[in-house]
Amino acid sequence: MTRRSWAIYATGIVCALLLIPGIVLLVAQVFQTMIQSRIKKEVTLAPNSRVLQGWIDPPPPVYMQYFFFNVTNADEFVAGKAKPAVTQIGPYTYREYRPRENVTFRENGTKIFATNPKSFVFLPEMSVGNPEVDLLTTVNIPVVAVMNEMHSYSFFLRTAVSLWMGTLGIDLFMTRTVNEILWGFKDPLLSKIHAMRPEVDENFGLMYNKNGTHEGEFVFHTGEQNYMDYGKIDTWNGIKQMTWWSSNQSNMINGTDGSVFHTFLSRDELLYIFAADLCRSIHLAYVEDTEVKGIPAFRFAPPEDVLASPEENPANAGFCVPAGDCLGKGVLKVSVCREGAPVVVSFPHFYQADEKYINAIDGLSPNKEEHETYLDLNPTTGVPIRACKRAQINVIMKRVPGFPKTKFLNETIFPIMYVNETATIDDDSAAQMRGLLLIVTLVSNFPVIILGLGVILLVVFLCLILRSRQRRNEKRIDFSEAFHSFTTTKDDTAYTQVSDKAEDSPENHANQPMRNGSYIAMSPVEAQKC
């Protein structure tokens, strides 16, 4: 057997050894199942798991940006001469630190208890202006809160309180520094009430007492029993279901806190997040594929039906408190879980809200790029690669009988401030993620790689066979041509007479020497002389 034949046979054998196992492994999904099982086992909050430390102390920096709506025509609005006009100021940016504390495992490691205190540090280099100096004119929320509380009292008592407030020089709008509005100040009206009712705090601020505090005590599922439960909230402040809303579905605590999600996400599923600051759970739907720092991700965002009116989404009727008392599309009254003013939340600039709320205020311009909330999640690991949470705080202003200063007011959802909370995976974590995903891809596609090599060798094997046959055919053709040439030469060579004339003619005898027999020669070679 020649060396060429050995090469052909060896190529064929290796090709078969690659193709057959490759097809079997690809059909059986052995490697894909193996890597998925490993990831599901590794991505848990169990003791000593790889992701636990990152969950306790998240490495990506979180930034909180505060934008405020400065009222430019407060007097004209109160007098009923114009609708309110606002200008946006900010951002005032803070670095948010949110390590988990009091971490304790429960029920054989299947659940984990933790609190999540948040602290904020001002970043002047990422801010526009100085919050301790910049002045802001906005709704006097303590006054609106007092009027809202007095709404159920008699007309005469409301009138008396209105006169008393007038003697204190308190108006419906106030001008304070951004720092005071955000982190708190001693309010003159609340101070007077505090003197009569000590349980009422005399300080007011949108983020008052929230620097260094947490939003409640959480118990999470670790994902040990079921990877789909990874990070889901079991209880919040000791309860499994809220009581503020008017339906069981609305009171459910669904999903995670937004920091983690189960592995192997699907584009078809809805992701649920419990937002303690909204006192409810919301869902997010797939929007598009994207990429962050070279890491593939699915973008999920709240669809319009999250804050749709009950006419558009009947499931939202449970968020009307009391039952049937509903606001329009794009807004949610959360005063049921917050004592004080009638606070309403929405997306910034009333994005995805009813046009009537946008048109009621001059200076608003909602758009998707700046005002949409979304999460970019790696579908394999469920890890948030980039997050952007945006929410706006509003206050309902309306006419209250007994308070003359409100007599020209039509009910208006007045924007106060919106926040833009963002986080993006850091470079080191991104590099580790890319390495992990590369290993996952290689292992998952190992059968495909084997099959691909087998196909390449199959092509080489076929080429070698065709080349071998071609060479055999060429040899046969060469042999036939040689044989044909040999037979043709033999047939064409004959003994012929030198002259066409008769042997006994006088010319032949005159010109040729005489010999015994006839004179002959091999044609076409010339005869040699003797």
Protein backbone atom coordinates (compact mmCIF):
# COMPACT_ATOMS: atom_id res chain seq x y z
CA MET A 1 0.00 0.00 0.00
CA THR A 2 1.39 3.38 -1.02
CA ARG A 3 1.88 6.37 1.25
CA ARG A 4 -0.93 8.18 -0.58
CA SER A 5 -3.33 5.34 0.12
CA TRP A 6 -2.40 5.38 3.80
CA ALA A 7 -3.19 9.12 3.93
CA ILE A 8 -6.60 8.58 2.37
CA TYR A 9 -7.51 5.76 4.74
CA ALA A 10 -6.26 7.73 7.80
CA THR A 11 -8.26 10.82 6.77
CA GLY A 12 -11.41 8.75 6.35
CA ILE A 13 -11.03 7.09 9.74
CA VAL A 14 -10.42 10.41 11.58
CA CYS A 15 -13.34 11.96 9.69
CA ALA A 16 -15.65 9.18 10.86
CA LEU A 17 -14.33 9.47 14.44
CA LEU A 18 -15.24 13.17 14.42
CA LEU A 19 -18.52 13.12 12.54
CA ILE A 20 -20.25 10.31 14.40
CA PRO A 21 -19.56 11.53 17.98
CA GLY A 22 -20.21 15.13 16.89
CA ILE A 23 -23.65 14.27 15.55
CA VAL A 24 -24.48 12.17 18.62
CA LEU A 25 -23.36 14.88 21.08
CA LEU A 26 -25.16 17.59 19.15
CA VAL A 27 -28.44 15.67 19.08
CA ALA A 28 -28.16 14.59 22.72
CA GLN A 29 -27.25 18.15 23.90
CA VAL A 30 -24.82 16.63 26.39
CA PHE A 31 -22.42 19.56 26.73
CA GLN A 32 -25.18 22.18 26.71
CA THR A 33 -26.99 20.35 29.52
CA MET A 34 -23.76 19.95 31.45
CA ILE A 35 -22.78 23.63 31.31
CA GLN A 36 -26.30 24.81 32.11
CA SER A 37 -26.47 22.52 35.15
CA ARG A 38 -23.10 23.83 36.34
CA ILE A 39 -24.12 27.48 35.97
CA LYS A 40 -27.46 26.90 37.70
CA LYS A 41 -25.61 25.29 40.59
CA GLU A 42 -22.94 27.99 40.84
CA VAL A 43 -25.22 31.05 40.56
CA THR A 44 -26.89 30.91 43.97
CA LEU A 45 -26.73 32.87 47.21
CA ALA A 46 -25.75 29.79 49.18
CA PRO A 47 -22.85 29.97 51.67
CA ASN A 48 -19.44 30.13 50.00
CA SER A 49 -20.99 30.56 46.54
CA ARG A 50 -19.03 32.65 44.06
CA VAL A 51 -21.73 35.27 43.62
CA LEU A 52 -22.50 35.81 47.32
CA GLN A 53 -19.74 38.35 47.97
CA GLY A 54 -20.67 40.37 44.90
CA TRP A 55 -24.29 40.37 46.08
CA ILE A 56 -23.31 41.56 49.58
CA ASP A 57 -20.97 44.30 48.32
CA PRO A 58 -21.73 45.08 44.65
CA PRO A 59 -18.61 46.32 42.81
CA PRO A 60 -20.27 48.49 40.11
CA PRO A 61 -20.61 52.13 41.23
CA VAL A 62 -24.18 53.38 41.55
CA TYR A 63 -24.95 57.02 40.82
CA MET A 64 -28.06 58.90 41.91
CA GLN A 65 -28.89 62.02 39.92
CA TYR A 66 -31.57 64.42 41.15
CA PHE A 67 -33.35 66.79 38.77
CA PHE A 68 -35.73 69.44 40.13
CA PHE A 69 -38.55 71.45 38.56
CA ASN A 70 -38.18 75.12 39.43
CA VAL A 71 -41.51 77.01 39.27
CA THR A 72 -41.18 80.34 37.45
CA ASN A 73 -44.75 81.73 37.77
CA ALA A 74 -46.02 80.62 41.16
CA ASP A 75 -48.07 83.80 41.81
CA GLU A 76 -49.82 83.69 38.42
CA PHE A 77 -50.69 80.01 38.91
CA VAL A 78 -52.14 80.54 42.39
CA ALA A 79 -54.14 83.51 41.12
CA GLY A 80 -55.59 81.35 38.33
CA LYS A 81 -54.07 83.52 35.60
CA ALA A 82 -51.82 80.87 34.00
CA LYS A 83 -50.93 77.24 34.14
CA PRO A 84 -47.70 76.48 35.99
CA ALA A 85 -44.42 76.87 34.15
CA VAL A 86 -41.31 75.00 35.25
CA THR A 87 -37.66 74.76 34.26
CA GLN A 88 -35.54 71.71 34.96
CA ILE A 89 -32.40 72.21 37.02
CA GLY A 90 -29.70 69.68 37.80
CA PRO A 91 -28.44 67.06 37.87
CA TYR A 92 -27.11 66.99 41.40
CA THR A 93 -25.18 63.73 41.45
CA TYR A 94 -24.40 61.50 44.41
CA ARG A 95 -22.43 58.27 44.63
CA GLU A 96 -24.67 55.68 46.23
CA TYR A 97 -23.19 52.99 48.47
CA ARG A 98 -25.47 50.05 49.20
CA PRO A 99 -23.72 47.12 50.93
CA ARG A 100 -25.96 44.49 52.48
CA GLU A 101 -25.78 44.05 56.21
CA ASN A 102 -26.99 41.58 58.86
CA VAL A 103 -26.72 38.76 56.30
CA THR A 104 -28.05 35.55 57.85
CA PHE A 105 -28.90 32.20 56.24
CA ARG A 106 -32.15 30.50 57.07
CA GLU A 107 -33.88 27.18 56.42
CA ASN A 108 -30.77 25.15 55.60
CA GLY A 109 -29.35 27.81 53.30
CA THR A 110 -32.40 28.04 51.07
CA LYS A 111 -33.22 31.58 52.25
CA ILE A 112 -31.13 34.56 53.28
CA PHE A 113 -31.99 37.56 55.46
CA ALA A 114 -30.44 40.99 54.82
CA THR A 115 -30.92 44.72 55.11
CA ASN A 116 -29.67 47.14 52.47
CA PRO A 117 -28.75 50.55 53.95
CA LYS A 118 -27.93 53.26 51.43
CA SER A 119 -25.60 56.19 51.89
CA PHE A 120 -24.91 59.08 49.52
CA VAL A 121 -21.81 61.19 48.82
CA PHE A 122 -22.09 64.33 46.70
CA LEU A 123 -20.00 64.42 43.51
CA PRO A 124 -19.48 68.05 42.41
CA GLU A 125 -17.57 67.03 39.26
CA MET A 126 -20.65 65.20 37.98
CA SER A 127 -23.14 67.87 39.04
CA VAL A 128 -24.49 71.10 37.63
CA GLY A 129 -24.47 73.68 40.40
CA ASN A 130 -24.07 73.63 44.17
CA PRO A 131 -27.02 72.19 46.13
CA GLU A 132 -26.13 74.22 49.20
CA VAL A 133 -26.36 77.50 47.27
CA ASP A 134 -28.82 76.95 44.41
CA LEU A 135 -32.36 78.12 45.23
CA LEU A 136 -35.46 76.22 44.19
CA THR A 137 -39.08 77.39 44.09
CA THR A 138 -41.45 74.48 44.45
CA VAL A 139 -44.70 73.35 46.04
CA ASN A 140 -44.81 73.78 49.81
CA ILE A 141 -45.40 70.10 50.43
CA PRO A 142 -45.94 70.40 54.23
CA VAL A 143 -48.78 72.86 53.58
CA VAL A 144 -50.35 70.57 50.98
CA ALA A 145 -49.99 67.67 53.43
CA VAL A 146 -51.78 69.59 56.20
CA MET A 147 -54.61 70.64 53.86
CA ASN A 148 -54.95 67.05 52.68
CA GLU A 149 -55.24 65.86 56.29
CA MET A 150 -57.82 68.56 57.07
CA HIS A 151 -60.01 67.59 54.13
CA SER A 152 -62.18 65.31 56.27
CA TYR A 153 -62.69 67.90 59.02
CA SER A 154 -65.45 70.51 59.21
CA PHE A 155 -65.42 73.60 57.06
CA PHE A 156 -65.12 75.88 60.08
CA LEU A 157 -62.08 74.03 61.43
CA ARG A 158 -60.42 74.16 58.04
CA THR A 159 -61.09 77.92 57.87
CA ALA A 160 -59.57 78.42 61.31
CA VAL A 161 -56.46 76.49 60.34
CA SER A 162 -56.20 78.51 57.13
CA LEU A 163 -56.31 81.79 59.08
CA TRP A 164 -53.72 80.48 61.49
CA MET A 165 -51.42 79.49 58.64
CA GLY A 166 -51.89 82.96 57.16
CA THR A 167 -50.59 84.55 60.37
CA LEU A 168 -47.42 82.47 60.01
CA GLY A 169 -46.87 83.86 56.51
CA ILE A 170 -47.02 80.40 54.91
CA ASP A 171 -47.83 80.15 51.19
CA LEU A 172 -48.56 77.33 48.76
CA PHE A 173 -45.05 77.63 47.29
CA MET A 174 -41.72 77.97 49.02
CA THR A 175 -38.17 78.86 48.01
CA ARG A 176 -35.38 76.89 49.62
CA THR A 177 -31.95 75.60 48.69
CA VAL A 178 -31.76 72.33 46.80
CA ASN A 179 -29.94 70.78 49.76
CA GLU A 180 -32.78 71.72 52.13
CA ILE A 181 -35.50 70.40 49.83
CA LEU A 182 -33.58 67.17 49.33
CA TRP A 183 -32.07 66.32 52.71
CA GLY A 184 -34.32 68.21 55.09
CA PHE A 185 -34.88 71.41 57.05
CA LYS A 186 -36.94 72.49 60.05
CA ASP A 187 -40.26 73.56 58.62
CA PRO A 188 -42.07 76.41 60.48
CA LEU A 189 -45.54 74.86 60.04
CA LEU A 190 -44.46 71.40 61.11
CA SER A 191 -42.59 72.89 64.07
CA LYS A 192 -45.83 74.51 65.31
CA ILE A 193 -47.71 71.23 64.87
CA HIS A 194 -44.87 69.31 66.56
CA ALA A 195 -45.29 71.48 69.64
CA MET A 196 -48.92 70.31 69.88
CA ARG A 197 -48.42 66.76 68.57
CA PRO A 198 -44.88 65.50 69.31
CA GLU A 199 -45.32 62.44 67.07
CA VAL A 200 -45.25 64.78 64.06
CA ASP A 201 -41.67 65.37 62.87
CA GLU A 202 -40.82 69.04 62.57
CA ASN A 203 -38.34 68.39 59.74
CA PHE A 204 -39.15 67.91 56.08
CA GLY A 205 -37.10 66.76 53.09
CA LEU A 206 -37.69 64.52 50.11
CA MET A 207 -34.78 62.32 51.21
CA TYR A 208 -34.93 63.23 54.89
CA ASN A 209 -33.68 60.39 57.13
CA LYS A 210 -32.84 58.25 54.08
CA ASN A 211 -29.07 58.72 54.09
CA GLY A 212 -27.65 55.70 55.86
CA THR A 213 -30.97 53.93 56.32
CA HIS A 214 -32.55 50.94 54.61
CA GLU A 215 -35.94 50.32 52.98
CA GLY A 216 -36.84 47.35 55.13
CA GLU A 217 -35.84 43.86 56.15
CA PHE A 218 -35.80 41.36 53.29
CA VAL A 219 -35.70 37.58 53.13
CA PHE A 220 -34.62 36.25 49.73
CA HIS A 221 -34.61 32.81 48.14
CA THR A 222 -31.04 31.66 47.52
CA GLY A 223 -31.90 29.54 44.49
CA GLU A 224 -30.62 26.33 46.08
CA GLN A 225 -33.92 24.49 45.62
CA ASN A 226 -34.93 26.04 42.29
CA TYR A 227 -32.73 28.22 40.13
CA MET A 228 -35.83 30.11 38.94
CA ASP A 229 -36.33 31.41 42.51
CA TYR A 230 -32.81 32.88 42.70
CA GLY A 231 -32.98 36.29 44.38
CA LYS A 232 -36.78 36.36 44.68
CA ILE A 233 -38.21 38.07 47.75
CA ASP A 234 -39.85 35.77 50.25
CA THR A 235 -40.85 38.42 52.83
CA TRP A 236 -40.46 42.17 53.28
CA ASN A 237 -40.61 43.53 56.82
CA GLY A 238 -41.97 40.17 57.85
CA ILE A 239 -44.92 40.11 55.44
CA LYS A 240 -45.52 38.07 52.31
CA GLN A 241 -48.30 40.32 51.04
CA MET A 242 -49.16 43.99 51.47
CA THR A 243 -52.48 45.37 52.65
CA TRP A 244 -52.56 48.89 51.20
CA TRP A 245 -54.10 48.18 47.82
CA SER A 246 -57.65 47.09 47.02
CA SER A 247 -56.97 43.67 45.43
CA ASN A 248 -54.97 40.58 46.36
CA GLN A 249 -53.09 40.69 43.08
CA SER A 250 -51.97 44.29 43.63
CA ASN A 251 -50.82 43.46 47.18
CA MET A 252 -48.54 40.63 46.05
CA ILE A 253 -44.78 40.95 46.58
CA ASN A 254 -43.41 39.55 43.32
CA GLY A 255 -39.93 39.15 41.91
CA THR A 256 -36.51 40.28 43.09
CA ASP A 257 -35.25 43.65 44.31
CA GLY A 258 -33.77 44.29 40.86
CA SER A 259 -30.17 43.41 41.73
CA VAL A 260 -30.20 39.78 40.53
CA PHE A 261 -32.25 37.52 38.26
CA HIS A 262 -32.29 33.84 37.44
CA THR A 263 -29.95 32.39 34.82
CA PHE A 264 -30.82 31.61 31.19
CA LEU A 265 -33.34 34.39 30.63
CA SER A 266 -35.85 34.15 27.82
CA ARG A 267 -37.03 36.95 25.56
CA ASP A 268 -40.60 35.79 26.08
CA GLU A 269 -40.78 36.06 29.87
CA LEU A 270 -41.81 38.95 32.14
CA LEU A 271 -39.42 39.93 34.92
CA TYR A 272 -40.90 41.13 38.21
CA ILE A 273 -39.33 43.64 40.58
CA PHE A 274 -40.61 44.73 43.96
CA ALA A 275 -39.96 48.46 44.40
CA ALA A 276 -40.26 49.39 48.06
CA ASP A 277 -40.28 53.11 47.25
CA LEU A 278 -43.31 52.54 45.00
CA CYS A 279 -44.99 50.20 47.50
CA ARG A 280 -45.70 47.70 44.71
CA SER A 281 -44.29 45.20 42.25
CA ILE A 282 -43.83 46.05 38.60
CA HIS A 283 -43.00 43.90 35.59
CA LEU A 284 -40.53 44.40 32.77
CA ALA A 285 -40.77 43.02 29.24
CA TYR A 286 -38.09 42.31 26.62
CA VAL A 287 -37.33 45.26 24.34
CA GLU A 288 -34.23 44.45 22.28
CA ASP A 289 -30.82 42.79 22.15
CA THR A 290 -27.94 45.06 23.08
CA GLU A 291 -24.30 44.92 24.16
CA VAL A 292 -22.42 46.54 27.05
CA LYS A 293 -18.61 46.46 27.15
CA GLY A 294 -18.54 43.49 24.80
CA ILE A 295 -21.09 41.53 26.84
CA PRO A 296 -24.35 40.50 25.11
CA ALA A 297 -27.48 41.57 26.95
CA PHE A 298 -31.27 41.62 26.74
CA ARG A 299 -32.90 44.96 27.46
CA PHE A 300 -36.02 44.79 29.63
CA ALA A 301 -38.22 47.81 30.36
CA PRO A 302 -41.65 48.45 31.93
CA PRO A 303 -44.30 48.29 29.19
CA GLU A 304 -47.03 50.91 29.03
CA ASP A 305 -49.56 48.64 30.74
CA VAL A 306 -47.63 48.87 34.05
CA LEU A 307 -49.12 52.31 34.76
CA ALA A 308 -52.06 52.04 32.38
CA SER A 309 -55.55 53.05 33.48
CA PRO A 310 -57.95 50.28 34.59
CA GLU A 311 -59.83 50.77 31.31
CA GLU A 312 -56.70 49.74 29.41
CA ASN A 313 -55.42 47.21 31.95
CA PRO A 314 -58.12 45.88 34.32
CA ALA A 315 -55.45 44.37 36.59
CA ASN A 316 -54.48 47.92 37.63
CA ALA A 317 -57.89 48.53 39.21
CA GLY A 318 -56.45 47.16 42.45
CA PHE A 319 -54.13 50.17 42.69
CA CYS A 320 -57.12 52.51 42.98
CA VAL A 321 -57.59 53.38 46.67
CA PRO A 322 -60.29 53.57 47.74
CA ALA A 323 -61.63 51.13 45.15
CA GLY A 324 -62.79 53.00 42.07
CA ASP A 325 -60.85 56.18 42.89
CA CYS A 326 -58.40 55.98 40.00
CA LEU A 327 -56.03 58.39 38.37
CA GLY A 328 -55.27 58.37 34.65
CA LYS A 329 -52.64 56.61 32.59
CA GLY A 330 -49.01 56.87 33.63
CA VAL A 331 -49.39 57.92 37.29
CA LEU A 332 -49.72 56.04 40.58
CA LYS A 333 -50.89 57.47 43.90
CA VAL A 334 -48.63 56.11 46.66
CA SER A 335 -49.94 58.19 49.56
CA VAL A 336 -51.65 55.01 50.82
CA CYS A 337 -48.29 53.75 52.05
CA ARG A 338 -46.80 57.14 52.87
CA GLU A 339 -48.22 59.39 55.54
CA GLY A 340 -48.63 63.02 54.64
CA ALA A 341 -49.05 64.67 51.28
CA PRO A 342 -50.92 63.07 48.34
CA VAL A 343 -47.76 61.86 46.62
CA VAL A 344 -47.98 60.52 43.06
CA VAL A 345 -45.19 58.75 41.18
CA SER A 346 -44.67 58.61 37.43
CA PHE A 347 -41.89 58.36 34.93
CA PRO A 348 -39.92 61.61 34.39
CA HIS A 349 -41.76 64.37 32.54
CA PHE A 350 -44.84 62.10 32.61
CA TYR A 351 -43.27 59.77 30.04
CA GLN A 352 -45.90 57.20 28.92
CA ALA A 353 -48.57 59.17 30.81
CA ASP A 354 -51.82 60.73 29.67
CA GLU A 355 -51.34 63.86 27.58
CA LYS A 356 -53.48 65.87 30.00
CA TYR A 357 -50.77 65.68 32.68
CA ILE A 358 -48.10 66.81 30.25
CA ASN A 359 -50.18 69.64 28.81
CA ALA A 360 -51.10 70.93 32.28
CA ILE A 361 -47.50 72.05 32.90
CA ASP A 362 -45.35 74.27 30.68
CA GLY A 363 -41.77 73.09 30.37
CA LEU A 364 -42.17 69.31 30.11
CA SER A 365 -40.79 67.29 27.20
CA PRO A 366 -40.92 63.52 27.77
CA ASN A 367 -38.73 61.30 25.62
CA LYS A 368 -37.66 57.67 25.70
CA GLU A 369 -33.91 58.21 25.67
CA GLU A 370 -33.80 60.34 28.83
CA HIS A 371 -36.84 59.14 30.75
CA GLU A 372 -37.24 55.38 30.21
CA THR A 373 -36.45 52.88 32.95
CA TYR A 374 -34.63 49.78 31.72
CA LEU A 375 -32.33 46.92 32.68
CA ASP A 376 -29.69 45.35 30.43
CA LEU A 377 -29.24 41.75 31.60
CA ASN A 378 -26.85 39.09 30.40
CA PRO A 379 -29.22 36.24 29.47
CA THR A 380 -26.81 33.43 30.43
CA THR A 381 -26.02 34.58 33.99
CA GLY A 382 -28.96 36.90 34.69
CA VAL A 383 -26.51 39.55 35.92
CA PRO A 384 -27.49 43.22 35.37
CA ILE A 385 -24.84 44.72 33.09
CA ARG A 386 -26.40 48.17 33.01
CA ALA A 387 -29.35 49.55 34.96
CA CYS A 388 -31.23 52.80 34.71
CA LYS A 389 -34.10 53.45 37.13
CA ARG A 390 -36.01 56.69 36.61
CA ALA A 391 -38.94 57.89 38.68
CA GLN A 392 -40.62 61.23 39.31
CA ILE A 393 -42.22 62.51 42.52
CA ASN A 394 -45.35 64.60 42.08
CA VAL A 395 -47.91 66.16 44.42
CA ILE A 396 -51.63 66.58 43.79
CA MET A 397 -52.68 70.23 44.11
CA LYS A 398 -56.41 70.97 44.16
CA ARG A 399 -59.06 73.26 45.59
CA VAL A 400 -59.74 72.63 49.29
CA PRO A 401 -62.85 74.31 50.78
CA GLY A 402 -61.94 76.50 53.72
CA PHE A 403 -58.52 77.41 52.32
CA PRO A 404 -59.05 80.59 50.22
CA LYS A 405 -55.60 80.38 48.65
CA THR A 406 -56.70 77.27 46.73
CA LYS A 407 -59.93 78.69 45.31
CA PHE A 408 -58.47 79.19 41.81
CA LEU A 409 -56.72 75.85 41.63
CA ASN A 410 -57.82 73.11 39.30
CA GLU A 411 -56.65 69.64 40.27
CA THR A 412 -53.08 69.37 38.99
CA ILE A 413 -50.45 66.68 39.42
CA PHE A 414 -47.50 68.94 40.06
CA PRO A 415 -43.95 67.66 39.31
CA ILE A 416 -41.41 68.21 42.08
CA MET A 417 -38.32 66.14 41.28
CA TYR A 418 -37.17 63.08 39.39
CA VAL A 419 -34.29 60.70 40.02
CA ASN A 420 -32.02 58.90 37.61
CA GLU A 421 -30.37 55.94 39.36
CA THR A 422 -27.75 54.32 37.14
CA ALA A 423 -25.17 51.56 37.40
CA THR A 424 -22.89 49.95 34.79
CA ILE A 425 -20.65 46.92 35.26
CA ASP A 426 -17.06 47.92 36.04
CA ASP A 427 -14.17 47.03 33.73
CA ASP A 428 -12.71 44.25 35.91
CA SER A 429 -16.07 42.54 36.34
CA ALA A 430 -16.74 42.95 32.60
CA ALA A 431 -13.43 41.24 31.75
CA GLN A 432 -14.27 38.33 34.08
CA MET A 433 -17.74 38.09 32.56
CA ARG A 434 -16.38 37.99 29.01
CA GLY A 435 -13.94 35.22 30.00
CA LEU A 436 -16.72 33.20 31.62
CA LEU A 437 -18.99 33.59 28.62
CA LEU A 438 -16.17 32.54 26.27
CA ILE A 439 -15.68 29.31 28.24
CA VAL A 440 -19.43 28.71 28.27
CA THR A 441 -19.60 29.25 24.51
CA LEU A 442 -16.68 26.94 23.77
CA VAL A 443 -17.98 24.15 26.01
CA SER A 444 -21.56 24.49 24.78
CA ASN A 445 -20.43 24.46 21.15
CA PHE A 446 -17.86 21.69 21.53
CA PRO A 447 -20.02 19.21 19.53
CA VAL A 448 -20.40 21.81 16.79
CA ILE A 449 -16.63 22.29 16.72
CA ILE A 450 -16.08 18.52 16.44
CA LEU A 451 -18.74 18.30 13.75
CA GLY A 452 -17.18 21.20 11.86
CA LEU A 453 -13.73 19.58 11.91
CA GLY A 454 -15.34 16.33 10.74
CA VAL A 455 -16.99 18.12 7.82
CA ILE A 456 -13.68 19.74 6.85
CA LEU A 457 -11.92 16.37 6.93
CA LEU A 458 -14.79 14.85 4.93
CA VAL A 459 -14.19 17.43 2.20
CA VAL A 460 -10.45 16.68 2.31
CA PHE A 461 -11.19 12.92 2.17
CA LEU A 462 -13.43 13.33 -0.88
CA CYS A 463 -10.84 15.51 -2.60
CA LEU A 464 -8.14 12.89 -1.97
CA ILE A 465 -10.36 10.13 -3.38
CA LEU A 466 -11.19 12.18 -6.47
CA ARG A 467 -7.53 13.04 -6.94
CA SER A 468 -6.55 9.40 -6.59
CA ARG A 469 -9.09 8.32 -9.19
CA GLN A 470 -7.98 11.09 -11.49
CA ARG A 471 -4.37 9.90 -11.28
CA ARG A 472 -5.44 6.31 -12.06
CA ASN A 473 -7.38 7.50 -15.09
CA GLU A 474 -4.38 9.53 -16.24
CA LYS A 475 -2.15 6.44 -15.99
CA ARG A 476 -4.62 4.39 -18.01
CA ILE A 477 -4.76 7.08 -20.66
CA ASP A 478 -0.94 7.24 -20.83
CA PHE A 479 -0.69 3.44 -21.23
CA SER A 480 -3.35 3.40 -23.97
CA GLU A 481 -1.61 6.18 -25.85
CA ALA A 482 1.73 4.38 -25.60
CA PHE A 483 0.22 1.11 -26.78
CA HIS A 484 -1.57 2.88 -29.61
CA SER A 485 1.64 4.64 -30.64
CA PHE A 486 3.55 1.39 -30.61
CA THR A 487 1.00 -0.47 -32.75
CA THR A 488 0.66 2.45 -35.14
CA THR A 489 4.45 2.58 -35.75
CA LYS A 490 4.62 -1.17 -36.36
CA ASP A 491 1.79 -1.16 -38.87
CA ASP A 492 3.12 1.83 -40.76
CA THR A 493 6.64 0.28 -41.24
CA ALA A 494 6.78 -1.99 -44.42
CA TYR A 495 9.14 -3.26 -46.95
CA THR A 496 8.59 -1.42 -50.22
CA GLN A 497 10.28 -1.34 -53.58
CA VAL A 498 12.54 1.56 -54.28
CA SER A 499 10.98 2.18 -57.62
CA ASP A 500 7.52 1.78 -58.98
CA LYS A 501 9.04 0.52 -62.21
CA ALA A 502 9.36 -3.16 -63.09
CA GLU A 503 12.36 -4.84 -61.62
CA ASP A 504 13.62 -5.97 -65.02
CA SER A 505 13.41 -2.54 -66.71
CA PRO A 506 16.61 -1.31 -68.43
CA GLU A 507 16.66 1.95 -66.35
CA ASN A 508 16.92 0.03 -63.10
CA HIS A 509 19.71 -2.04 -64.38
CA ALA A 510 21.50 1.03 -65.66
CA ASN A 511 21.22 3.09 -62.48
CA GLN A 512 21.46 0.44 -59.75
CA PRO A 513 24.19 -2.07 -59.06
CA MET A 514 23.22 -5.59 -59.70
CA ARG A 515 22.41 -7.84 -56.71
CA ASN A 516 21.06 -11.23 -56.11
CA GLY A 517 17.32 -10.74 -55.88
CA SER A 518 15.52 -7.43 -55.79
CA TYR A 519 16.92 -4.24 -54.17
CA ILE A 520 14.80 -3.35 -51.14
CA ALA A 521 14.97 -0.81 -48.27
CA MET A 522 13.11 0.01 -44.98
CA SER A 523 10.83 2.93 -45.57
CA PRO A 524 11.04 5.75 -44.69
CA VAL A 525 14.73 5.29 -43.73
CA GLU A 526 17.13 5.86 -46.66
CA ALA A 527 18.97 2.75 -47.86
CA GLN A 528 22.63 2.48 -46.99
CA LYS A 529 25.22 1.72 -49.63
CA CYS A 530 27.13 -1.55 -49.36
